[in-house]
Amino acid sequence: MSGTFVGMPAFPQAAREAVRDTTLRGNLRHATHTIRDKRARAVAELDDWAALREAGKQIKDHTLRHLDHYLLQVEEAVTAAGGTVHWAADADEANAIVARLVEETGEREVVKVKSMATQEIGLNEALEARGIRAYETDLAELIVQLGKDRPSHILVPAIHRNRGEIRDIFRTEMSEWGRPAPEALTDTPAELAEAARLHLREKFLRAKVGISGANFMVAETGTLVVVESEGNGRMCLTLPETLISVVGIEKIVPTWQDLEVFLQTLPRSSTAERMNPYTSMWTGTTDEDGPQNFHLVLLDNGRTDTLADEVGRQALRCIRCSACLNVCPVYERAGGHAYGSVYPGPIGAILSPQLRGTDSAIDASLPYASSLCGACYEVCPVAIDIPEVLVHLREKVADQGGPGHRLEKAAIKAAGWVLDRPGVLAAGERVASRTRRLHPKKLPGPGAGQWSKSRDLPEMPAEPFRDWWKKNRT
């Protein structure tokens, strides 16, 4: 399984298969509606939500404009606090750095905090190729890993699974990864959580190396922040002797005062909580307390290219709350796997094509995986105008060409020629009206035919409007 899902079919094909899965659609509908309703209530508690949203946007935009300065400030602060900073231009370089750091400890297994960045670069697979086993400790990520599956949601990676499916995965797969599930395990949430707790506890107590991402990095002190709801992150960040954090370069906030804004908006937008149950912060290393070796891997992997796009760069504001997924009618029906990326839903439709380029079929199709209804923009806590970026990326994909786009350009050019000549247009309208009974209901061909797969062509009137006007209004 590849962390970047290379080789996935284009979104329309993948979505067509997904919508036929009634169990998947039922799981998604129940989960997304529940989460978004709770979020709406949590956000409504704050009278200054709009101001917080605008503040988050301004902080992120300021940081991105001065990213070179803040990255160097983070490096200096982390180094001064006893940590070591590594720079990774792409996924291969980041994976090589992490694998080397683990091998230098002599260990062959690591425990992991839920991390989108490590999924993005396919770290688990890269470590496995070097003989190092990575154990996911977030409950949903554990379910995905045990089930040899792929995450389908930013916040709840196993949202596509119901309790019965999770019970079956635990029963059949846990023994291959460590402590087996209890023989009489049911699908009761408390029993499933207890099985996971017992399975993971031995790994927490044994592991010497932990790997994490970070929700935020505070530039002025070099402090990293992880927010989570289960306590597994706290275990991974404090018990191992060595901690390696892989963090996208856009995760910086300049000051602690800036962090205050996001610690209000992120939990309400993601888990609909006023505050995350566990907010862990660490700055370098401390004698006799926590990991004694700390490594920060700053990951680019397409972010600098995204930053260069004045419209598309707003995707780098994203704080990974997943609110846009929970309101998206396309995501609700197609699920996360159809997006072919660790970043599904509306944010994935604009982030993945920028990080990976639009050369592959799946990435070229993602900007079209939206109805442009705008619900995603309305709920985004940092005001990313996702519809604007989608249209911007569609223009880029169209400029690349391809059979469908070349046909469209030719059709537009021909239409322009006809519309510039009123006599030709009038003659064409009359011919079209007189032959209307012979017109097909669908357009032919692989290009235009795609448009009419879900809609009929409009019926031609008995006579052109120009002729009707002459008879009735002259």
Protein backbone atom coordinates (compact mmCIF):
# COMPACT_ATOMS: atom_id res chain seq x y z
CA MET A 1 0.00 0.00 0.00
CA SER A 2 1.46 3.36 -0.99
CA GLY A 3 1.06 6.35 1.25
CA THR A 4 0.59 8.58 -1.76
CA PHE A 5 -1.83 6.24 -3.56
CA VAL A 6 0.05 6.44 -6.86
CA GLY A 7 -1.75 4.64 -9.67
CA MET A 8 -5.28 5.35 -8.45
CA PRO A 9 -7.93 5.81 -11.16
CA ALA A 10 -9.27 9.28 -11.90
CA PHE A 11 -11.85 10.59 -9.44
CA PRO A 12 -14.95 10.01 -11.63
CA GLN A 13 -14.12 6.32 -12.03
CA ALA A 14 -13.23 5.80 -8.37
CA ALA A 15 -16.32 7.71 -7.22
CA ARG A 16 -18.57 5.70 -9.52
CA GLU A 17 -17.46 2.52 -7.75
CA ALA A 18 -17.75 4.06 -4.28
CA VAL A 19 -21.33 5.29 -4.63
CA ARG A 20 -22.46 1.71 -5.33
CA ASP A 21 -21.33 0.67 -1.83
CA THR A 22 -24.46 1.24 0.26
CA THR A 23 -22.71 0.32 3.53
CA LEU A 24 -19.99 2.88 2.88
CA ARG A 25 -22.54 5.58 2.08
CA GLY A 26 -24.53 4.79 5.20
CA ASN A 27 -21.42 4.95 7.41
CA LEU A 28 -20.34 8.24 5.88
CA ARG A 29 -23.77 9.85 6.04
CA HIS A 30 -24.24 9.00 9.72
CA ALA A 31 -20.73 10.09 10.75
CA THR A 32 -20.48 13.33 8.78
CA HIS A 33 -23.95 14.54 9.77
CA THR A 34 -23.23 13.82 13.43
CA ILE A 35 -19.88 15.63 13.41
CA ARG A 36 -21.06 18.69 11.50
CA ASP A 37 -24.15 19.14 13.71
CA LYS A 38 -21.98 19.04 16.85
CA ARG A 39 -19.50 21.45 15.28
CA ALA A 40 -22.24 23.95 14.44
CA ARG A 41 -23.36 23.98 18.08
CA ALA A 42 -19.80 24.39 19.38
CA VAL A 43 -19.03 27.27 17.02
CA ALA A 44 -22.31 29.02 17.86
CA GLU A 45 -21.12 29.35 21.47
CA LEU A 46 -18.54 31.97 20.44
CA ASP A 47 -19.80 35.45 19.65
CA ASP A 48 -16.42 36.36 18.14
CA TRP A 49 -16.10 33.31 15.83
CA ALA A 50 -15.98 35.49 12.70
CA ALA A 51 -13.19 37.59 14.24
CA LEU A 52 -11.24 34.47 15.22
CA ARG A 53 -11.65 33.12 11.70
CA GLU A 54 -10.31 36.33 10.18
CA ALA A 55 -7.45 36.42 12.69
CA GLY A 56 -6.45 32.87 11.76
CA LYS A 57 -6.47 33.78 8.10
CA GLN A 58 -4.34 36.89 8.67
CA ILE A 59 -1.81 35.05 10.86
CA LYS A 60 -1.40 32.28 8.30
CA ASP A 61 -1.07 34.68 5.37
CA HIS A 62 1.51 36.77 7.22
CA THR A 63 3.52 33.66 8.09
CA LEU A 64 3.47 32.38 4.52
CA ARG A 65 4.65 35.76 3.19
CA HIS A 66 7.63 35.64 5.57
CA LEU A 67 8.13 31.88 5.70
CA ASP A 68 11.87 32.08 5.02
CA HIS A 69 12.35 34.22 8.13
CA TYR A 70 10.23 32.06 10.42
CA LEU A 71 11.79 28.79 9.24
CA LEU A 72 15.23 30.03 10.18
CA GLN A 73 13.85 31.25 13.52
CA VAL A 74 12.42 27.80 14.21
CA GLU A 75 15.72 26.13 13.34
CA GLU A 76 17.64 28.46 15.63
CA ALA A 77 15.22 28.03 18.54
CA VAL A 78 15.00 24.22 18.27
CA THR A 79 18.79 23.91 18.06
CA ALA A 80 19.27 26.19 21.06
CA ALA A 81 16.84 23.99 23.04
CA GLY A 82 18.87 20.83 22.37
CA GLY A 83 17.12 19.51 19.26
CA THR A 84 18.49 18.80 15.80
CA VAL A 85 16.86 20.17 12.65
CA HIS A 86 16.91 18.37 9.29
CA TRP A 87 15.66 19.77 5.97
CA ALA A 88 13.85 17.49 3.51
CA ALA A 89 13.09 18.69 -0.02
CA ASP A 90 10.80 15.77 -0.87
CA ALA A 91 9.34 12.50 0.39
CA ASP A 92 12.35 10.37 -0.48
CA GLU A 93 14.73 12.64 1.39
CA ALA A 94 12.48 12.81 4.44
CA ASN A 95 12.05 9.02 4.54
CA ALA A 96 15.80 8.49 4.21
CA ILE A 97 16.49 10.90 7.08
CA VAL A 98 13.97 9.25 9.42
CA ALA A 99 15.12 5.72 8.55
CA ARG A 100 18.75 6.66 9.19
CA LEU A 101 17.91 8.26 12.54
CA VAL A 102 16.01 5.14 13.65
CA GLU A 103 18.81 2.83 12.51
CA GLU A 104 21.34 4.89 14.47
CA THR A 105 19.45 4.03 17.66
CA GLY A 106 19.74 0.30 16.90
CA GLU A 107 15.97 -0.13 17.22
CA ARG A 108 13.75 -1.98 14.71
CA GLU A 109 10.34 -0.67 15.77
CA VAL A 110 8.76 2.71 16.44
CA VAL A 111 5.47 4.02 17.82
CA LYS A 112 3.69 6.79 15.93
CA VAL A 113 1.36 9.65 16.71
CA LYS A 114 -1.29 10.25 14.03
CA SER A 115 0.46 12.31 11.36
CA MET A 116 -0.79 13.44 7.96
CA ALA A 117 2.73 14.41 6.89
CA THR A 118 4.14 10.91 7.44
CA GLN A 119 1.20 9.41 5.54
CA GLU A 120 1.78 11.91 2.74
CA ILE A 121 5.36 10.71 2.23
CA GLY A 122 4.61 7.00 2.77
CA LEU A 123 6.91 6.77 5.79
CA ASN A 124 5.56 3.48 7.16
CA GLU A 125 6.22 1.71 3.86
CA ALA A 126 9.69 3.26 3.58
CA LEU A 127 10.59 2.11 7.10
CA GLU A 128 9.23 -1.38 6.42
CA ALA A 129 11.50 -1.61 3.37
CA ARG A 130 14.44 -0.99 5.74
CA GLY A 131 13.27 -3.64 8.21
CA ILE A 132 11.72 -1.20 10.69
CA ARG A 133 8.15 -1.71 11.87
CA ALA A 134 6.01 1.35 12.60
CA TYR A 135 3.02 0.96 14.93
CA GLU A 136 0.14 3.42 14.62
CA THR A 137 -1.28 4.27 18.05
CA ASP A 138 -4.26 6.50 17.22
CA LEU A 139 -7.36 4.27 17.44
CA ALA A 140 -8.63 5.05 13.94
CA GLU A 141 -5.16 4.76 12.44
CA LEU A 142 -4.73 1.43 14.25
CA ILE A 143 -7.96 0.18 12.66
CA VAL A 144 -6.73 1.26 9.21
CA GLN A 145 -3.32 -0.34 9.73
CA LEU A 146 -4.66 -3.64 11.07
CA GLY A 147 -7.20 -3.77 8.23
CA LYS A 148 -4.49 -3.19 5.57
CA ASP A 149 -6.66 -0.27 4.54
CA ARG A 150 -6.23 3.39 3.60
CA PRO A 151 -7.41 6.41 5.62
CA SER A 152 -10.53 8.04 4.23
CA HIS A 153 -10.93 11.11 6.46
CA ILE A 154 -8.51 13.67 7.90
CA LEU A 155 -9.86 13.56 11.46
CA VAL A 156 -11.43 10.08 11.53
CA PRO A 157 -9.35 7.89 9.17
CA ALA A 158 -11.62 4.87 9.71
CA ILE A 159 -14.89 6.77 9.22
CA HIS A 160 -15.84 4.30 6.49
CA ARG A 161 -15.88 1.39 8.97
CA ASN A 162 -18.72 0.49 11.32
CA ARG A 163 -18.38 -1.20 14.71
CA GLY A 164 -19.00 -4.69 13.38
CA GLU A 165 -16.25 -4.34 10.80
CA ILE A 166 -13.85 -3.00 13.44
CA ARG A 167 -14.59 -5.94 15.75
CA ASP A 168 -13.83 -8.39 12.93
CA ILE A 169 -10.56 -6.64 12.11
CA PHE A 170 -9.45 -6.73 15.74
CA ARG A 171 -10.33 -10.42 16.06
CA THR A 172 -8.45 -11.51 12.95
CA GLU A 173 -5.49 -9.12 12.76
CA MET A 174 -4.41 -7.99 16.23
CA SER A 175 -2.47 -11.17 16.97
CA GLU A 176 -0.25 -10.56 13.93
CA TRP A 177 0.85 -7.20 15.35
CA GLY A 178 1.09 -7.97 19.07
CA ARG A 179 -1.35 -8.74 21.87
CA PRO A 180 -4.44 -10.48 20.40
CA ALA A 181 -7.98 -9.27 20.91
CA PRO A 182 -10.08 -10.94 23.63
CA GLU A 183 -11.80 -14.09 22.35
CA ALA A 184 -15.29 -12.89 23.25
CA LEU A 185 -14.82 -9.38 21.86
CA THR A 186 -18.11 -7.70 20.86
CA ASP A 187 -18.74 -4.51 18.88
CA THR A 188 -19.50 -2.49 22.01
CA PRO A 189 -17.44 0.75 21.85
CA ALA A 190 -16.08 0.29 25.37
CA GLU A 191 -14.87 -3.25 24.60
CA LEU A 192 -13.28 -2.19 21.32
CA ALA A 193 -11.48 0.69 23.05
CA GLU A 194 -10.27 -1.61 25.85
CA ALA A 195 -8.93 -4.14 23.33
CA ALA A 196 -7.00 -1.39 21.58
CA ARG A 197 -5.74 0.00 24.90
CA LEU A 198 -4.34 -3.35 26.04
CA HIS A 199 -2.85 -4.02 22.59
CA LEU A 200 -1.06 -0.67 22.49
CA ARG A 201 0.09 -0.47 26.09
CA GLU A 202 2.84 -3.03 25.65
CA LYS A 203 4.11 -1.09 22.64
CA PHE A 204 4.20 2.21 24.55
CA LEU A 205 6.19 0.63 27.37
CA ARG A 206 8.63 -1.15 25.02
CA ALA A 207 9.32 1.43 22.30
CA LYS A 208 12.53 3.45 22.40
CA VAL A 209 11.70 5.61 19.37
CA GLY A 210 8.62 7.73 18.76
CA ILE A 211 7.60 9.48 15.53
CA SER A 212 5.15 12.36 15.34
CA GLY A 213 4.02 15.26 13.23
CA ALA A 214 2.86 18.54 14.72
CA ASN A 215 -0.25 20.66 14.48
CA PHE A 216 1.76 23.83 15.04
CA MET A 217 5.33 25.07 15.54
CA VAL A 218 5.86 28.28 17.53
CA ALA A 219 8.72 30.14 15.88
CA GLU A 220 9.72 32.35 18.81
CA THR A 221 10.56 29.40 21.09
CA GLY A 222 10.85 26.39 18.79
CA THR A 223 7.94 24.72 20.59
CA LEU A 224 5.98 21.98 18.82
CA VAL A 225 2.31 21.33 19.56
CA VAL A 226 0.21 18.19 19.10
CA VAL A 227 -3.49 18.18 19.92
CA GLU A 228 -5.36 14.87 20.24
CA SER A 229 -8.21 13.18 22.06
CA GLU A 230 -7.01 9.77 23.20
CA GLY A 231 -3.76 10.21 25.14
CA ASN A 232 -1.77 8.01 22.75
CA GLY A 233 0.05 11.10 21.53
CA ARG A 234 1.12 12.00 25.05
CA MET A 235 2.52 8.47 25.49
CA CYS A 236 4.47 8.60 22.21
CA LEU A 237 5.83 12.07 22.92
CA THR A 238 7.06 11.42 26.48
CA LEU A 239 8.03 7.74 26.93
CA PRO A 240 10.53 7.01 24.09
CA GLU A 241 14.20 7.92 24.39
CA THR A 242 14.27 9.39 20.87
CA LEU A 243 11.55 11.52 19.27
CA ILE A 244 11.49 12.31 15.54
CA SER A 245 8.92 14.85 14.31
CA VAL A 246 8.17 15.25 10.60
CA VAL A 247 6.43 18.59 10.04
CA GLY A 248 5.36 20.48 6.93
CA ILE A 249 7.04 23.86 6.65
CA GLU A 250 3.66 25.63 6.60
CA LYS A 251 2.79 24.59 10.18
CA ILE A 252 4.57 27.57 11.74
CA VAL A 253 2.91 30.30 13.80
CA PRO A 254 5.10 33.24 14.81
CA THR A 255 4.19 33.64 18.52
CA TRP A 256 2.38 32.06 21.44
CA GLN A 257 -0.28 34.76 21.13
CA ASP A 258 -0.94 33.57 17.58
CA LEU A 259 -1.23 29.99 18.82
CA GLU A 260 -4.05 31.09 21.14
CA VAL A 261 -6.30 31.75 18.13
CA PHE A 262 -5.89 28.26 16.68
CA LEU A 263 -6.31 26.49 20.02
CA GLN A 264 -9.82 27.97 20.02
CA THR A 265 -10.77 27.33 16.39
CA LEU A 266 -9.19 23.92 15.71
CA PRO A 267 -10.93 21.82 18.39
CA ARG A 268 -14.34 23.36 17.70
CA SER A 269 -14.00 22.83 13.96
CA SER A 270 -12.64 19.29 14.18
CA THR A 271 -14.00 17.42 17.19
CA ALA A 272 -16.63 20.02 18.21
CA GLU A 273 -14.89 20.39 21.59
CA ARG A 274 -14.08 23.61 23.40
CA MET A 275 -10.58 22.29 24.00
CA ASN A 276 -8.74 19.14 23.02
CA PRO A 277 -8.48 16.62 25.87
CA TYR A 278 -4.70 16.39 25.30
CA THR A 279 -2.61 19.35 24.16
CA SER A 280 1.07 18.36 24.28
CA MET A 281 3.88 20.89 23.86
CA TRP A 282 7.62 20.31 23.87
CA THR A 283 10.66 22.47 23.29
CA GLY A 284 13.87 20.61 22.48
CA THR A 285 15.08 18.26 25.21
CA THR A 286 15.13 18.41 29.00
CA ASP A 287 17.48 16.47 31.29
CA GLU A 288 15.83 13.49 32.99
CA ASP A 289 12.41 14.33 31.49
CA GLY A 290 11.00 13.03 28.21
CA PRO A 291 13.00 12.01 25.14
CA GLN A 292 16.70 12.77 25.39
CA ASN A 293 17.14 13.01 21.63
CA PHE A 294 14.84 15.20 19.54
CA HIS A 295 14.97 15.53 15.74
CA LEU A 296 12.79 17.89 13.70
CA VAL A 297 12.45 17.08 10.00
CA LEU A 298 11.12 20.12 8.12
CA LEU A 299 9.27 18.86 5.05
CA ASP A 300 8.81 20.75 1.78
CA ASN A 301 7.50 18.12 -0.68
CA GLY A 302 5.77 20.56 -3.02
CA ARG A 303 4.92 23.26 -0.51
CA THR A 304 7.37 25.80 -1.93
CA ASP A 305 5.85 25.32 -5.39
CA THR A 306 2.38 25.81 -3.90
CA LEU A 307 3.57 28.96 -2.13
CA ALA A 308 4.58 30.43 -5.49
CA ASP A 309 0.96 30.32 -6.72
CA GLU A 310 -0.78 33.50 -5.54
CA VAL A 311 -4.25 31.92 -5.71
CA GLY A 312 -3.42 28.34 -4.74
CA ARG A 313 -1.17 29.18 -1.79
CA GLN A 314 -4.16 29.75 0.49
CA ALA A 315 -4.42 25.95 0.72
CA LEU A 316 -1.32 26.14 2.96
CA ARG A 317 -3.41 27.92 5.60
CA CYS A 318 -5.14 24.59 6.29
CA ILE A 319 -5.01 23.44 9.93
CA ARG A 320 -6.38 19.96 9.09
CA CYS A 321 -9.66 20.31 10.97
CA SER A 322 -11.69 18.34 8.34
CA ALA A 323 -14.75 20.62 8.65
CA CYS A 324 -14.89 20.94 4.86
CA LEU A 325 -15.20 17.16 4.45
CA ASN A 326 -18.16 16.93 6.78
CA VAL A 327 -20.28 19.42 4.82
CA CYS A 328 -19.26 18.34 1.31
CA PRO A 329 -22.04 16.54 -0.63
CA VAL A 330 -19.47 14.98 -2.97
CA TYR A 331 -17.33 13.56 -0.13
CA GLU A 332 -20.41 12.26 1.68
CA ARG A 333 -21.36 10.12 -1.32
CA ALA A 334 -17.96 9.16 -2.73
CA GLY A 335 -15.91 8.71 0.45
CA GLY A 336 -12.25 9.51 0.99
CA HIS A 337 -10.62 6.71 -0.98
CA ALA A 338 -11.93 8.07 -4.31
CA TYR A 339 -9.63 11.10 -3.94
CA GLY A 340 -6.53 8.93 -4.23
CA SER A 341 -4.68 10.91 -1.58
CA VAL A 342 -4.11 11.06 2.14
CA TYR A 343 -5.89 14.43 1.88
CA PRO A 344 -9.50 13.70 0.80
CA GLY A 345 -12.50 15.95 0.40
CA PRO A 346 -12.50 19.60 -0.70
CA ILE A 347 -9.13 20.45 0.85
CA GLY A 348 -7.59 17.39 -0.79
CA ALA A 349 -9.03 18.43 -4.15
CA ILE A 350 -6.94 21.62 -4.03
CA LEU A 351 -3.95 20.53 -1.93
CA SER A 352 -2.97 17.22 -3.56
CA PRO A 353 -2.81 18.56 -7.16
CA GLN A 354 -0.55 21.37 -5.94
CA LEU A 355 1.77 19.19 -3.86
CA ARG A 356 2.00 16.41 -6.45
CA GLY A 357 1.32 18.24 -9.73
CA THR A 358 -1.41 17.39 -12.22
CA ASP A 359 0.44 14.95 -14.47
CA SER A 360 -1.43 11.86 -13.24
CA ALA A 361 -5.05 11.11 -14.10
CA ILE A 362 -6.14 11.23 -10.45
CA ASP A 363 -4.52 14.61 -9.74
CA ALA A 364 -5.79 16.16 -12.97
CA SER A 365 -9.32 15.07 -12.06
CA LEU A 366 -9.38 16.29 -8.45
CA PRO A 367 -10.14 19.97 -9.17
CA TYR A 368 -13.36 18.74 -10.83
CA ALA A 369 -14.40 16.67 -7.77
CA SER A 370 -16.74 19.39 -6.53
CA SER A 371 -20.13 20.93 -7.18
CA LEU A 372 -18.71 24.39 -6.22
CA CYS A 373 -21.56 24.80 -3.72
CA GLY A 374 -19.30 26.80 -1.38
CA ALA A 375 -20.20 24.98 1.85
CA CYS A 376 -16.52 24.17 2.41
CA TYR A 377 -15.56 27.86 2.39
CA GLU A 378 -18.34 28.75 4.83
CA VAL A 379 -17.07 26.35 7.52
CA CYS A 380 -13.30 26.76 7.03
CA PRO A 381 -11.82 28.25 10.23
CA VAL A 382 -9.04 29.98 8.25
CA ALA A 383 -11.31 31.14 5.38
CA ILE A 384 -9.70 29.18 2.53
CA ASP A 385 -11.76 29.99 -0.57
CA ILE A 386 -11.73 26.42 -1.84
CA PRO A 387 -14.14 27.06 -4.77
CA GLU A 388 -11.87 29.86 -6.02
CA VAL A 389 -8.83 27.56 -5.95
CA LEU A 390 -10.77 24.73 -7.61
CA VAL A 391 -11.69 26.95 -10.55
CA HIS A 392 -8.10 28.23 -10.70
CA LEU A 393 -6.74 24.67 -10.85
CA ARG A 394 -9.33 23.65 -13.45
CA GLU A 395 -7.97 26.39 -15.68
CA LYS A 396 -4.46 25.02 -15.21
CA VAL A 397 -5.55 21.49 -16.06
CA ALA A 398 -7.37 22.73 -19.15
CA ASP A 399 -4.26 24.60 -20.28
CA GLN A 400 -2.34 21.32 -20.19
CA GLY A 401 -4.48 20.09 -23.05
CA GLY A 402 -5.60 16.52 -23.63
CA PRO A 403 -8.22 15.12 -26.02
CA GLY A 404 -11.24 16.50 -24.16
CA HIS A 405 -9.78 19.96 -23.67
CA ARG A 406 -8.55 20.21 -27.27
CA LEU A 407 -12.04 19.34 -28.51
CA GLU A 408 -13.54 21.94 -26.20
CA LYS A 409 -11.17 24.63 -27.46
CA ALA A 410 -12.00 23.76 -31.07
CA ALA A 411 -15.74 23.93 -30.29
CA ILE A 412 -15.39 27.32 -28.61
CA LYS A 413 -13.37 28.65 -31.52
CA ALA A 414 -16.00 27.43 -34.02
CA ALA A 415 -18.81 28.93 -31.92
CA GLY A 416 -16.99 32.27 -31.83
CA TRP A 417 -16.71 32.29 -35.62
CA VAL A 418 -20.46 31.59 -36.01
CA LEU A 419 -21.51 34.18 -33.42
CA ASP A 420 -19.48 36.84 -35.24
CA ARG A 421 -21.60 36.24 -38.37
CA PRO A 422 -25.36 36.84 -37.72
CA GLY A 423 -26.40 35.51 -41.13
CA VAL A 424 -24.59 32.22 -40.60
CA LEU A 425 -26.08 31.95 -37.09
CA ALA A 426 -29.64 32.54 -38.36
CA ALA A 427 -29.26 29.94 -41.11
CA GLY A 428 -27.87 27.42 -38.64
CA GLU A 429 -30.77 28.00 -36.24
CA ARG A 430 -33.31 27.36 -39.00
CA VAL A 431 -31.59 24.14 -40.08
CA ALA A 432 -31.41 22.97 -36.47
CA SER A 433 -35.12 23.64 -35.88
CA ARG A 434 -36.25 21.88 -39.05
CA THR A 435 -34.18 18.76 -38.26
CA ARG A 436 -34.97 18.67 -34.53
CA ARG A 437 -36.76 15.30 -34.67
CA LEU A 438 -33.51 13.73 -35.84
CA HIS A 439 -31.41 15.12 -32.98
CA PRO A 440 -29.94 12.59 -30.45
CA LYS A 441 -30.71 12.94 -26.74
CA LYS A 442 -27.04 12.34 -25.86
CA LEU A 443 -23.86 13.76 -27.33
CA PRO A 444 -21.55 11.27 -29.06
CA GLY A 445 -17.88 10.66 -28.41
CA PRO A 446 -15.69 10.19 -25.31
CA GLY A 447 -15.35 13.94 -24.66
CA ALA A 448 -18.74 15.57 -25.17
CA GLY A 449 -20.44 12.28 -24.32
CA GLN A 450 -19.22 12.55 -20.72
CA TRP A 451 -21.22 15.77 -20.27
CA SER A 452 -24.50 14.19 -21.39
CA LYS A 453 -24.13 10.98 -19.37
CA SER A 454 -26.19 12.50 -16.58
CA ARG A 455 -28.29 15.02 -18.54
CA ASP A 456 -30.36 15.17 -21.73
CA LEU A 457 -29.71 17.72 -24.43
CA PRO A 458 -32.28 20.55 -24.39
CA GLU A 459 -35.07 20.10 -26.90
CA MET A 460 -34.83 22.36 -29.96
CA PRO A 461 -37.88 24.71 -30.43
CA ALA A 462 -40.05 24.43 -33.52
CA GLU A 463 -38.72 27.71 -34.89
CA PRO A 464 -35.82 30.03 -34.04
CA PHE A 465 -36.50 32.94 -31.70
CA ARG A 466 -35.54 35.44 -34.42
CA ASP A 467 -38.28 34.09 -36.73
CA TRP A 468 -40.85 34.02 -33.91
CA TRP A 469 -40.04 37.65 -33.04
CA LYS A 470 -40.47 38.82 -36.61
CA LYS A 471 -43.91 37.23 -36.82
CA ASN A 472 -45.20 38.32 -33.41
CA ARG A 473 -43.45 41.55 -32.43
CA THR A 474 -42.53 43.45 -35.59
